[in-house]
Amino acid sequence: MEVVARDLTGLGLYLARRLSFEGVEQNRVLISVLIVMLINVLGNTGIGN
């Protein structure tokens, strides 16, 4: 958190040290789904080859 705060301050942005997650909804995503998506993106750009 300190590194993020320092970097944002360097960009002229503000980061509150205390964050509230009240009302935030989270969904768990399987890492295998993300890997497949990444492979598809890289394959379409030619970077992965």
N, C-alpha and C. Protein backbone atom coordinates (compact mmCIF):
# COMPACT_ATOMS: atom_id res chain seq x y z
N MET A 1 0.82 -1.19 0.00
CA MET A 1 0.00 0.00 0.00
C MET A 1 0.87 1.26 0.00
N GLU A 2 1.97 1.20 0.70
CA GLU A 2 2.85 2.36 0.76
C GLU A 2 3.43 2.69 -0.61
N VAL A 3 3.80 1.65 -1.35
CA VAL A 3 4.37 1.87 -2.68
C VAL A 3 3.34 2.48 -3.61
N VAL A 4 2.11 1.98 -3.54
CA VAL A 4 1.04 2.53 -4.38
C VAL A 4 0.79 3.99 -4.02
N ALA A 5 0.73 4.28 -2.72
CA ALA A 5 0.50 5.65 -2.28
C ALA A 5 1.61 6.58 -2.76
N ARG A 6 2.84 6.12 -2.66
CA ARG A 6 3.98 6.93 -3.11
C ARG A 6 3.90 7.20 -4.61
N ASP A 7 3.60 6.16 -5.38
CA ASP A 7 3.54 6.32 -6.84
C ASP A 7 2.40 7.23 -7.25
N LEU A 8 1.24 7.09 -6.61
CA LEU A 8 0.11 7.96 -6.94
C LEU A 8 0.40 9.41 -6.56
N THR A 9 1.05 9.60 -5.42
CA THR A 9 1.43 10.95 -5.00
C THR A 9 2.39 11.56 -6.01
N GLY A 10 3.30 10.76 -6.53
CA GLY A 10 4.22 11.23 -7.55
C GLY A 10 3.52 11.64 -8.84
N LEU A 11 2.37 11.05 -9.10
CA LEU A 11 1.59 11.39 -10.28
C LEU A 11 0.62 12.54 -10.02
N GLY A 12 0.63 13.04 -8.78
CA GLY A 12 -0.27 14.14 -8.43
C GLY A 12 -1.66 13.66 -8.07
N LEU A 13 -1.79 12.39 -7.76
CA LEU A 13 -3.09 11.83 -7.39
C LEU A 13 -3.13 11.60 -5.88
N TYR A 14 -4.29 11.38 -5.35
CA TYR A 14 -4.47 11.22 -3.92
C TYR A 14 -4.98 9.81 -3.62
N LEU A 15 -4.45 9.23 -2.58
CA LEU A 15 -4.90 7.92 -2.14
C LEU A 15 -5.17 7.98 -0.65
N ALA A 16 -6.38 7.65 -0.26
CA ALA A 16 -6.72 7.63 1.16
C ALA A 16 -6.04 6.42 1.81
N ARG A 17 -5.47 6.62 2.98
CA ARG A 17 -4.79 5.54 3.68
C ARG A 17 -5.78 4.54 4.25
N ARG A 18 -6.97 4.97 4.53
CA ARG A 18 -8.00 4.07 5.05
C ARG A 18 -9.05 3.87 3.97
N LEU A 19 -9.22 2.65 3.56
CA LEU A 19 -10.19 2.33 2.52
C LEU A 19 -11.38 1.61 3.12
N SER A 20 -12.53 1.90 2.64
CA SER A 20 -13.74 1.22 3.08
C SER A 20 -14.20 0.29 1.97
N PHE A 21 -14.46 -0.94 2.33
CA PHE A 21 -14.96 -1.91 1.36
C PHE A 21 -16.44 -2.18 1.58
N GLU A 22 -17.11 -1.29 2.30
CA GLU A 22 -18.54 -1.44 2.55
C GLU A 22 -19.30 -1.34 1.23
N GLY A 23 -20.13 -2.31 0.96
CA GLY A 23 -20.93 -2.33 -0.27
C GLY A 23 -20.20 -2.89 -1.47
N VAL A 24 -18.95 -3.30 -1.31
CA VAL A 24 -18.18 -3.87 -2.42
C VAL A 24 -18.54 -5.34 -2.57
N GLU A 25 -18.80 -5.73 -3.80
CA GLU A 25 -19.09 -7.13 -4.09
C GLU A 25 -17.89 -7.75 -4.80
N GLN A 26 -17.59 -8.98 -4.43
CA GLN A 26 -16.45 -9.66 -5.03
C GLN A 26 -16.92 -10.95 -5.67
N ASN A 27 -16.30 -11.28 -6.78
CA ASN A 27 -16.55 -12.56 -7.44
C ASN A 27 -15.22 -13.28 -7.58
N ARG A 28 -15.22 -14.55 -7.29
CA ARG A 28 -14.00 -15.33 -7.46
C ARG A 28 -13.92 -15.84 -8.89
N VAL A 29 -12.77 -15.68 -9.49
CA VAL A 29 -12.55 -16.12 -10.86
C VAL A 29 -11.46 -17.17 -10.83
N LEU A 30 -11.70 -18.26 -11.49
CA LEU A 30 -10.69 -19.31 -11.54
C LEU A 30 -9.51 -18.85 -12.37
N ILE A 31 -8.33 -19.10 -11.86
CA ILE A 31 -7.12 -18.67 -12.55
C ILE A 31 -6.98 -19.35 -13.91
N SER A 32 -7.50 -20.56 -14.03
CA SER A 32 -7.41 -21.25 -15.32
C SER A 32 -8.18 -20.51 -16.40
N VAL A 33 -9.30 -19.88 -16.04
CA VAL A 33 -10.06 -19.10 -17.01
C VAL A 33 -9.23 -17.90 -17.46
N LEU A 34 -8.56 -17.24 -16.53
CA LEU A 34 -7.73 -16.10 -16.88
C LEU A 34 -6.55 -16.50 -17.76
N ILE A 35 -5.98 -17.66 -17.49
CA ILE A 35 -4.86 -18.14 -18.30
C ILE A 35 -5.31 -18.40 -19.73
N VAL A 36 -6.47 -19.03 -19.89
CA VAL A 36 -6.99 -19.29 -21.23
C VAL A 36 -7.25 -17.98 -21.96
N MET A 37 -7.81 -17.01 -21.25
CA MET A 37 -8.07 -15.71 -21.87
C MET A 37 -6.76 -15.04 -22.29
N LEU A 38 -5.75 -15.11 -21.45
CA LEU A 38 -4.45 -14.51 -21.76
C LEU A 38 -3.82 -15.18 -22.98
N ILE A 39 -3.90 -16.50 -23.03
CA ILE A 39 -3.35 -17.23 -24.18
C ILE A 39 -4.06 -16.81 -25.46
N ASN A 40 -5.37 -16.64 -25.39
CA ASN A 40 -6.13 -16.21 -26.57
C ASN A 40 -5.72 -14.81 -27.01
N VAL A 41 -5.55 -13.90 -26.06
CA VAL A 41 -5.16 -12.53 -26.40
C VAL A 41 -3.76 -12.52 -27.01
N LEU A 42 -2.83 -13.22 -26.38
CA LEU A 42 -1.46 -13.24 -26.90
C LEU A 42 -1.40 -13.93 -28.25
N GLY A 43 -2.19 -14.97 -28.42
CA GLY A 43 -2.21 -15.66 -29.70
C GLY A 43 -2.73 -14.77 -30.81
N ASN A 44 -3.72 -13.93 -30.49
CA ASN A 44 -4.31 -13.05 -31.50
C ASN A 44 -3.37 -11.90 -31.85
N THR A 45 -2.44 -11.53 -30.97
CA THR A 45 -1.54 -10.42 -31.25
C THR A 45 -0.23 -10.88 -31.87
N GLY A 46 0.05 -12.18 -31.77
CA GLY A 46 1.29 -12.69 -32.29
C GLY A 46 2.42 -12.61 -31.29
N ILE A 47 2.16 -12.06 -30.09
CA ILE A 47 3.20 -11.93 -29.07
C ILE A 47 3.58 -13.29 -28.49
N GLY A 48 2.61 -14.16 -28.36
CA GLY A 48 2.85 -15.45 -27.73
C GLY A 48 3.56 -16.45 -28.61
N ASN A 49 3.78 -16.11 -29.86
CA ASN A 49 4.40 -17.06 -30.80
C ASN A 49 5.87 -16.82 -30.93
